[in-house]
Amino acid sequence: MRFTYYGQSCFLIETSGKKLLFDPFITGNPQAKDISADSIEADYILVSHGHGDHVADLVSIAKHTGALVLGAFEITEWLAKQGVTHTHPLNFGGRKQLDFGIVKFVHAMHSSVLPDGTYGGNPGGFVITTQEGNFYYSGDTSLMLDMQLIPRYAKLNFAILPVGDNFTMGIDDAVLAAEFIQCSNIIGVHFDTFPYIEINHEEARNKFTLAGLNLTLPKIGETISL
């Protein structure tokens, strides 16, 4: 598996010959100024919730790639009004078998409204199981006891968690989340994009290390083999 980071919570996972893009936010992201949304390829786009920093380039990328978009029912309904109909709606607890593996939609604790004020449904995360490995993307969320259910769904090879604090979990809660989901290999997202969510990288890594965990804070445009 390969992980490519585009900033905020936008990243690409390559697995089983397929490209899975999550929460596309390139346009308007000051950290991604050297990345063109038109250059990104995807077979699938997975959307955790409707905030602008997660869907800014959703319509344009969905149209130019023809990718299947998965997300809350309300988001797929909104997409249809934007001319994007190659979608699959999900709600909590639901699973979808696809050619690369299984996608399960799980709870997140956050808020969700689309850029035009349309209700975006409830925010969520994804548990992905594939032949190459399993991972959990929590989406934007606070720490939740529901995370203790994740190991019952899959034995995780890695997890992608927000660490920027203020709007989501910070470092201390992300350490607890890693314990809840029984995963020692964490990729941090949703940090440093704006002043509200800037973090001390060294302090963050040290807290994870002291807990016996590994935290990766990827650079914009960086690709990591997992």
C-alpha atoms as a PDB file:
ATOM      1  CA  MET A   1       0.000   0.000   0.000  1.00  0.00           C
ATOM      2  CA  ARG A   2       1.082   3.567  -0.675  1.00  0.00           C
ATOM      3  CA  PHE A   3      -0.090   6.736   1.089  1.00  0.00           C
ATOM      4  CA  THR A   4       0.248  10.169  -0.554  1.00  0.00           C
ATOM      5  CA  TYR A   5      -0.544  13.292   1.461  1.00  0.00           C
ATOM      6  CA  TYR A   6      -2.071  16.435  -0.071  1.00  0.00           C
ATOM      7  CA  GLY A   7      -2.584  18.396   3.154  1.00  0.00           C
ATOM      8  CA  GLN A   8      -5.277  18.820   5.803  1.00  0.00           C
ATOM      9  CA  SER A   9      -7.227  15.519   5.600  1.00  0.00           C
ATOM     10  CA  CYS A  10      -6.761  14.910   1.885  1.00  0.00           C
ATOM     11  CA  PHE A  11      -4.739  11.824   1.019  1.00  0.00           C
ATOM     12  CA  LEU A  12      -4.570   9.008  -1.522  1.00  0.00           C
ATOM     13  CA  ILE A  13      -4.250   5.314  -0.728  1.00  0.00           C
ATOM     14  CA  GLU A  14      -3.105   2.994  -3.504  1.00  0.00           C
ATOM     15  CA  THR A  15      -4.096  -0.630  -2.886  1.00  0.00           C
ATOM     16  CA  SER A  16      -4.864  -3.636  -5.056  1.00  0.00           C
ATOM     17  CA  GLY A  17      -4.219  -1.563  -8.169  1.00  0.00           C
ATOM     18  CA  LYS A  18      -6.841   1.047  -7.203  1.00  0.00           C
ATOM     19  CA  LYS A  19      -6.528   4.652  -6.082  1.00  0.00           C
ATOM     20  CA  LEU A  20      -8.674   5.763  -3.138  1.00  0.00           C
ATOM     21  CA  LEU A  21      -8.827   9.521  -2.587  1.00  0.00           C
ATOM     22  CA  PHE A  22     -10.119  10.856   0.727  1.00  0.00           C
ATOM     23  CA  ASP A  23     -11.650  14.263   1.510  1.00  0.00           C
ATOM     24  CA  PRO A  24     -10.333  16.267  -1.470  1.00  0.00           C
ATOM     25  CA  PHE A  25      -9.249  19.743  -0.383  1.00  0.00           C
ATOM     26  CA  ILE A  26      -6.596  21.257  -2.652  1.00  0.00           C
ATOM     27  CA  THR A  27      -8.089  24.540  -3.853  1.00  0.00           C
ATOM     28  CA  GLY A  28      -7.957  27.039  -0.992  1.00  0.00           C
ATOM     29  CA  ASN A  29      -5.480  24.965   0.991  1.00  0.00           C
ATOM     30  CA  PRO A  30      -2.463  27.234   1.540  1.00  0.00           C
ATOM     31  CA  GLN A  31      -0.214  24.225   2.088  1.00  0.00           C
ATOM     32  CA  ALA A  32      -1.163  22.621  -1.219  1.00  0.00           C
ATOM     33  CA  LYS A  33      -0.455  25.629  -3.443  1.00  0.00           C
ATOM     34  CA  ASP A  34       2.012  23.604  -5.543  1.00  0.00           C
ATOM     35  CA  ILE A  35      -0.469  20.775  -6.191  1.00  0.00           C
ATOM     36  CA  SER A  36      -3.049  20.874  -8.982  1.00  0.00           C
ATOM     37  CA  ALA A  37      -6.356  19.197  -8.247  1.00  0.00           C
ATOM     38  CA  ASP A  38      -6.615  18.457 -11.986  1.00  0.00           C
ATOM     39  CA  SER A  39      -3.503  16.284 -11.744  1.00  0.00           C
ATOM     40  CA  ILE A  40      -4.971  13.917  -9.146  1.00  0.00           C
ATOM     41  CA  GLU A  41      -6.260  10.547 -10.345  1.00  0.00           C
ATOM     42  CA  ALA A  42      -8.729   8.413  -8.420  1.00  0.00           C
ATOM     43  CA  ASP A  43     -10.848   5.312  -8.869  1.00  0.00           C
ATOM     44  CA  TYR A  44     -12.798   6.008  -5.679  1.00  0.00           C
ATOM     45  CA  ILE A  45     -13.386   9.111  -3.571  1.00  0.00           C
ATOM     46  CA  LEU A  46     -14.391   8.644   0.068  1.00  0.00           C
ATOM     47  CA  VAL A  47     -15.914  11.619   1.864  1.00  0.00           C
ATOM     48  CA  SER A  48     -16.087  11.727   5.664  1.00  0.00           C
ATOM     49  CA  HIS A  49     -18.330  14.802   5.933  1.00  0.00           C
ATOM     50  CA  GLY A  50     -19.423  17.963   4.171  1.00  0.00           C
ATOM     51  CA  HIS A  51     -17.172  20.748   5.436  1.00  0.00           C
ATOM     52  CA  GLY A  52     -15.421  22.841   2.805  1.00  0.00           C
ATOM     53  CA  ASP A  53     -11.963  21.693   3.874  1.00  0.00           C
ATOM     54  CA  HIS A  54     -13.021  18.146   2.941  1.00  0.00           C
ATOM     55  CA  VAL A  55     -15.089  18.665  -0.220  1.00  0.00           C
ATOM     56  CA  ALA A  56     -13.589  21.750  -1.894  1.00  0.00           C
ATOM     57  CA  ASP A  57     -12.456  19.797  -4.964  1.00  0.00           C
ATOM     58  CA  LEU A  58     -14.897  16.913  -4.672  1.00  0.00           C
ATOM     59  CA  VAL A  59     -17.108  17.836  -7.622  1.00  0.00           C
ATOM     60  CA  SER A  60     -14.298  18.745 -10.001  1.00  0.00           C
ATOM     61  CA  ILE A  61     -12.200  15.651  -9.237  1.00  0.00           C
ATOM     62  CA  ALA A  62     -15.226  13.353  -9.364  1.00  0.00           C
ATOM     63  CA  LYS A  63     -16.095  14.743 -12.807  1.00  0.00           C
ATOM     64  CA  HIS A  64     -12.637  14.584 -14.344  1.00  0.00           C
ATOM     65  CA  THR A  65     -11.782  11.130 -12.962  1.00  0.00           C
ATOM     66  CA  GLY A  66     -15.176   9.421 -13.141  1.00  0.00           C
ATOM     67  CA  ALA A  67     -14.420   7.983  -9.682  1.00  0.00           C
ATOM     68  CA  LEU A  68     -17.140   6.364  -7.608  1.00  0.00           C
ATOM     69  CA  VAL A  69     -17.873   8.634  -4.636  1.00  0.00           C
ATOM     70  CA  LEU A  70     -18.806   7.055  -1.296  1.00  0.00           C
ATOM     71  CA  GLY A  71     -20.185   9.003   1.633  1.00  0.00           C
ATOM     72  CA  ALA A  72     -23.284   9.846   3.629  1.00  0.00           C
ATOM     73  CA  PHE A  73     -26.576   9.657   1.746  1.00  0.00           C
ATOM     74  CA  GLU A  74     -27.080  13.409   2.091  1.00  0.00           C
ATOM     75  CA  ILE A  75     -23.728  14.132   0.466  1.00  0.00           C
ATOM     76  CA  THR A  76     -24.513  11.881  -2.498  1.00  0.00           C
ATOM     77  CA  GLU A  77     -27.863  13.652  -2.880  1.00  0.00           C
ATOM     78  CA  TRP A  78     -26.061  17.015  -2.907  1.00  0.00           C
ATOM     79  CA  LEU A  79     -23.586  15.686  -5.465  1.00  0.00           C
ATOM     80  CA  ALA A  80     -26.405  14.677  -7.795  1.00  0.00           C
ATOM     81  CA  LYS A  81     -27.503  18.325  -7.866  1.00  0.00           C
ATOM     82  CA  GLN A  82     -23.945  19.228  -8.910  1.00  0.00           C
ATOM     83  CA  GLY A  83     -24.069  16.767 -11.808  1.00  0.00           C
ATOM     84  CA  VAL A  84     -22.174  13.946 -10.079  1.00  0.00           C
ATOM     85  CA  THR A  85     -24.255  10.759 -10.130  1.00  0.00           C
ATOM     86  CA  HIS A  86     -21.586   8.036  -9.948  1.00  0.00           C
ATOM     87  CA  THR A  87     -22.019   7.681  -6.192  1.00  0.00           C
ATOM     88  CA  HIS A  88     -22.798   5.118  -3.511  1.00  0.00           C
ATOM     89  CA  PRO A  89     -24.547   6.285  -0.304  1.00  0.00           C
ATOM     90  CA  LEU A  90     -23.641   4.852   3.090  1.00  0.00           C
ATOM     91  CA  ASN A  91     -24.886   5.175   6.637  1.00  0.00           C
ATOM     92  CA  PHE A  92     -23.475   4.044   9.954  1.00  0.00           C
ATOM     93  CA  GLY A  93     -22.793   0.341  10.312  1.00  0.00           C
ATOM     94  CA  GLY A  94     -23.180  -0.230   6.590  1.00  0.00           C
ATOM     95  CA  ARG A  95     -20.581  -2.042   4.500  1.00  0.00           C
ATOM     96  CA  LYS A  96     -19.903  -2.100   0.782  1.00  0.00           C
ATOM     97  CA  GLN A  97     -17.894  -4.768  -1.029  1.00  0.00           C
ATOM     98  CA  LEU A  98     -15.794  -3.265  -3.809  1.00  0.00           C
ATOM     99  CA  ASP A  99     -13.125  -4.672  -6.110  1.00  0.00           C
ATOM    100  CA  PHE A 100     -10.258  -3.633  -3.802  1.00  0.00           C
ATOM    101  CA  GLY A 101     -11.896  -4.708  -0.522  1.00  0.00           C
ATOM    102  CA  ILE A 102     -14.632  -3.753   1.936  1.00  0.00           C
ATOM    103  CA  VAL A 103     -15.587  -0.257   3.109  1.00  0.00           C
ATOM    104  CA  LYS A 104     -17.430   0.103   6.420  1.00  0.00           C
ATOM    105  CA  PHE A 105     -18.877   3.481   7.454  1.00  0.00           C
ATOM    106  CA  VAL A 106     -18.521   4.228  11.172  1.00  0.00           C
ATOM    107  CA  HIS A 107     -19.334   7.040  13.584  1.00  0.00           C
ATOM    108  CA  ALA A 108     -17.394  10.248  14.041  1.00  0.00           C
ATOM    109  CA  MET A 109     -18.255  12.990  16.516  1.00  0.00           C
ATOM    110  CA  HIS A 110     -18.115  16.324  14.719  1.00  0.00           C
ATOM    111  CA  SER A 111     -20.477  18.447  12.593  1.00  0.00           C
ATOM    112  CA  SER A 112     -21.279  18.485   8.894  1.00  0.00           C
ATOM    113  CA  VAL A 113     -22.715  21.079   6.557  1.00  0.00           C
ATOM    114  CA  LEU A 114     -21.895  21.535   2.888  1.00  0.00           C
ATOM    115  CA  PRO A 115     -20.382  24.776   1.521  1.00  0.00           C
ATOM    116  CA  ASP A 116     -23.732  26.091   0.278  1.00  0.00           C
ATOM    117  CA  GLY A 117     -25.400  25.499   3.649  1.00  0.00           C
ATOM    118  CA  THR A 118     -26.977  22.187   2.641  1.00  0.00           C
ATOM    119  CA  TYR A 119     -27.260  19.612   5.427  1.00  0.00           C
ATOM    120  CA  GLY A 120     -24.420  17.118   4.974  1.00  0.00           C
ATOM    121  CA  GLY A 121     -25.723  14.264   7.087  1.00  0.00           C
ATOM    122  CA  ASN A 122     -23.767  13.017  10.058  1.00  0.00           C
ATOM    123  CA  PRO A 123     -19.958  12.916   9.871  1.00  0.00           C
ATOM    124  CA  GLY A 124     -18.261   9.539   9.755  1.00  0.00           C
ATOM    125  CA  GLY A 125     -15.110   7.539   9.257  1.00  0.00           C
ATOM    126  CA  PHE A 126     -14.134   4.430   7.329  1.00  0.00           C
ATOM    127  CA  VAL A 127     -12.721   1.018   8.154  1.00  0.00           C
ATOM    128  CA  ILE A 128     -11.124  -0.417   5.008  1.00  0.00           C
ATOM    129  CA  THR A 129     -10.192  -4.089   4.730  1.00  0.00           C
ATOM    130  CA  THR A 130      -8.137  -5.306   1.770  1.00  0.00           C
ATOM    131  CA  GLN A 131      -5.878  -8.212   0.870  1.00  0.00           C
ATOM    132  CA  GLU A 132      -2.887  -5.885   1.286  1.00  0.00           C
ATOM    133  CA  GLY A 133      -3.872  -4.736   4.777  1.00  0.00           C
ATOM    134  CA  ASN A 134      -6.492  -2.947   6.826  1.00  0.00           C
ATOM    135  CA  PHE A 135      -6.765   0.651   7.969  1.00  0.00           C
ATOM    136  CA  TYR A 136      -9.080   3.094   9.729  1.00  0.00           C
ATOM    137  CA  TYR A 137      -9.633   6.719   8.799  1.00  0.00           C
ATOM    138  CA  SER A 138     -11.550   8.400  11.598  1.00  0.00           C
ATOM    139  CA  GLY A 139     -12.518  11.561   9.736  1.00  0.00           C
ATOM    140  CA  ASP A 140     -12.762  14.726  11.822  1.00  0.00           C
ATOM    141  CA  THR A 141     -13.723  13.630  15.298  1.00  0.00           C
ATOM    142  CA  SER A 142     -13.248  13.956  19.001  1.00  0.00           C
ATOM    143  CA  LEU A 143     -12.166  10.958  21.044  1.00  0.00           C
ATOM    144  CA  MET A 144     -15.084   8.510  21.366  1.00  0.00           C
ATOM    145  CA  LEU A 145     -15.659   5.316  23.291  1.00  0.00           C
ATOM    146  CA  ASP A 146     -17.129   3.949  20.031  1.00  0.00           C
ATOM    147  CA  MET A 147     -13.534   3.677  18.809  1.00  0.00           C
ATOM    148  CA  GLN A 148     -13.166   0.619  21.026  1.00  0.00           C
ATOM    149  CA  LEU A 149     -15.388  -1.210  18.520  1.00  0.00           C
ATOM    150  CA  ILE A 150     -12.941  -0.721  15.645  1.00  0.00           C
ATOM    151  CA  PRO A 151     -10.714  -3.734  16.509  1.00  0.00           C
ATOM    152  CA  ARG A 152     -13.813  -5.922  16.319  1.00  0.00           C
ATOM    153  CA  TYR A 153     -14.198  -4.910  12.678  1.00  0.00           C
ATOM    154  CA  ALA A 154     -10.571  -5.338  11.589  1.00  0.00           C
ATOM    155  CA  LYS A 155      -7.038  -5.869  12.850  1.00  0.00           C
ATOM    156  CA  LEU A 156      -5.461  -2.613  11.695  1.00  0.00           C
ATOM    157  CA  ASN A 157      -2.108  -2.196   9.979  1.00  0.00           C
ATOM    158  CA  PHE A 158      -2.322   1.577  10.371  1.00  0.00           C
ATOM    159  CA  ALA A 159      -4.801   4.362  11.125  1.00  0.00           C
ATOM    160  CA  ILE A 160      -5.217   7.968   9.985  1.00  0.00           C
ATOM    161  CA  LEU A 161      -6.304  10.291  12.795  1.00  0.00           C
ATOM    162  CA  PRO A 162      -6.653  14.078  13.168  1.00  0.00           C
ATOM    163  CA  VAL A 163      -4.133  15.559  15.594  1.00  0.00           C
ATOM    164  CA  GLY A 164      -4.514  19.334  15.217  1.00  0.00           C
ATOM    165  CA  ASP A 165      -6.759  19.953  18.248  1.00  0.00           C
ATOM    166  CA  ASN A 166      -9.264  22.864  18.454  1.00  0.00           C
ATOM    167  CA  PHE A 167     -11.754  21.383  15.935  1.00  0.00           C
ATOM    168  CA  THR A 168     -10.829  17.702  16.430  1.00  0.00           C
ATOM    169  CA  MET A 169      -8.765  15.504  18.694  1.00  0.00           C
ATOM    170  CA  GLY A 170      -5.387  16.823  19.722  1.00  0.00           C
ATOM    171  CA  ILE A 171      -2.263  14.792  20.386  1.00  0.00           C
ATOM    172  CA  ASP A 172      -3.211  13.556  23.867  1.00  0.00           C
ATOM    173  CA  ASP A 173      -6.608  12.280  22.745  1.00  0.00           C
ATOM    174  CA  ALA A 174      -5.095  10.783  19.597  1.00  0.00           C
ATOM    175  CA  VAL A 175      -2.782   8.714  21.804  1.00  0.00           C
ATOM    176  CA  LEU A 176      -5.842   7.406  23.654  1.00  0.00           C
ATOM    177  CA  ALA A 177      -7.605   6.791  20.326  1.00  0.00           C
ATOM    178  CA  ALA A 178      -4.669   4.679  19.153  1.00  0.00           C
ATOM    179  CA  GLU A 179      -5.032   2.587  22.307  1.00  0.00           C
ATOM    180  CA  PHE A 180      -8.798   2.245  21.785  1.00  0.00           C
ATOM    181  CA  ILE A 181      -8.376   1.032  18.203  1.00  0.00           C
ATOM    182  CA  GLN A 182      -5.402  -1.170  19.146  1.00  0.00           C
ATOM    183  CA  CYS A 183      -3.160   0.276  16.466  1.00  0.00           C
ATOM    184  CA  SER A 184       0.426   1.400  17.040  1.00  0.00           C
ATOM    185  CA  ASN A 185       1.101   2.913  13.604  1.00  0.00           C
ATOM    186  CA  ILE A 186      -0.660   6.275  13.292  1.00  0.00           C
ATOM    187  CA  ILE A 187      -0.577   8.819  10.465  1.00  0.00           C
ATOM    188  CA  GLY A 188      -1.563  12.272  11.668  1.00  0.00           C
ATOM    189  CA  VAL A 189      -3.687  14.599   9.534  1.00  0.00           C
ATOM    190  CA  HIS A 190      -5.707  17.809  10.002  1.00  0.00           C
ATOM    191  CA  PHE A 191      -2.806  19.832  11.413  1.00  0.00           C
ATOM    192  CA  ASP A 192      -0.847  23.011  10.572  1.00  0.00           C
ATOM    193  CA  THR A 193      -3.134  24.120   7.712  1.00  0.00           C
ATOM    194  CA  PHE A 194      -4.365  27.154   9.649  1.00  0.00           C
ATOM    195  CA  PRO A 195      -3.157  28.869  12.842  1.00  0.00           C
ATOM    196  CA  TYR A 196      -5.912  27.263  14.917  1.00  0.00           C
ATOM    197  CA  ILE A 197      -4.483  23.794  14.314  1.00  0.00           C
ATOM    198  CA  GLU A 198      -0.730  24.314  14.310  1.00  0.00           C
ATOM    199  CA  ILE A 199       1.121  21.751  16.430  1.00  0.00           C
ATOM    200  CA  ASN A 200       4.581  21.164  17.866  1.00  0.00           C
ATOM    201  CA  HIS A 201       5.835  18.220  15.810  1.00  0.00           C
ATOM    202  CA  GLU A 202       8.612  17.147  18.160  1.00  0.00           C
ATOM    203  CA  GLU A 203       6.347  17.228  21.198  1.00  0.00           C
ATOM    204  CA  ALA A 204       3.683  15.265  19.325  1.00  0.00           C
ATOM    205  CA  ARG A 205       6.087  12.521  18.257  1.00  0.00           C
ATOM    206  CA  ASN A 206       7.563  12.305  21.760  1.00  0.00           C
ATOM    207  CA  LYS A 207       4.144  11.773  23.344  1.00  0.00           C
ATOM    208  CA  PHE A 208       3.436   8.936  20.932  1.00  0.00           C
ATOM    209  CA  THR A 209       6.864   7.413  21.519  1.00  0.00           C
ATOM    210  CA  LEU A 210       6.389   7.501  25.296  1.00  0.00           C
ATOM    211  CA  ALA A 211       3.129   5.587  24.794  1.00  0.00           C
ATOM    212  CA  GLY A 212       4.911   2.942  22.695  1.00  0.00           C
ATOM    213  CA  LEU A 213       3.320   4.217  19.500  1.00  0.00           C
ATOM    214  CA  ASN A 214       4.605   5.555  16.184  1.00  0.00           C
ATOM    215  CA  LEU A 215       3.317   8.862  14.793  1.00  0.00           C
ATOM    216  CA  THR A 216       3.993   9.892  11.198  1.00  0.00           C
ATOM    217  CA  LEU A 217       3.358  13.530  10.309  1.00  0.00           C
ATOM    218  CA  PRO A 218       3.602  13.471   6.508  1.00  0.00           C
ATOM    219  CA  LYS A 219       4.826  16.341   4.390  1.00  0.00           C
ATOM    220  CA  ILE A 220       2.680  17.800   1.606  1.00  0.00           C
ATOM    221  CA  GLY A 221       3.126  15.704  -1.536  1.00  0.00           C
ATOM    222  CA  GLU A 222       5.007  12.968   0.332  1.00  0.00           C
ATOM    223  CA  THR A 223       4.351   9.330  -0.557  1.00  0.00           C
ATOM    224  CA  ILE A 224       4.858   6.644   2.080  1.00  0.00           C
ATOM    225  CA  SER A 225       4.970   2.882   1.554  1.00  0.00           C
ATOM    226  CA  LEU A 226       2.957   1.034   4.184  1.00  0.00           C
END
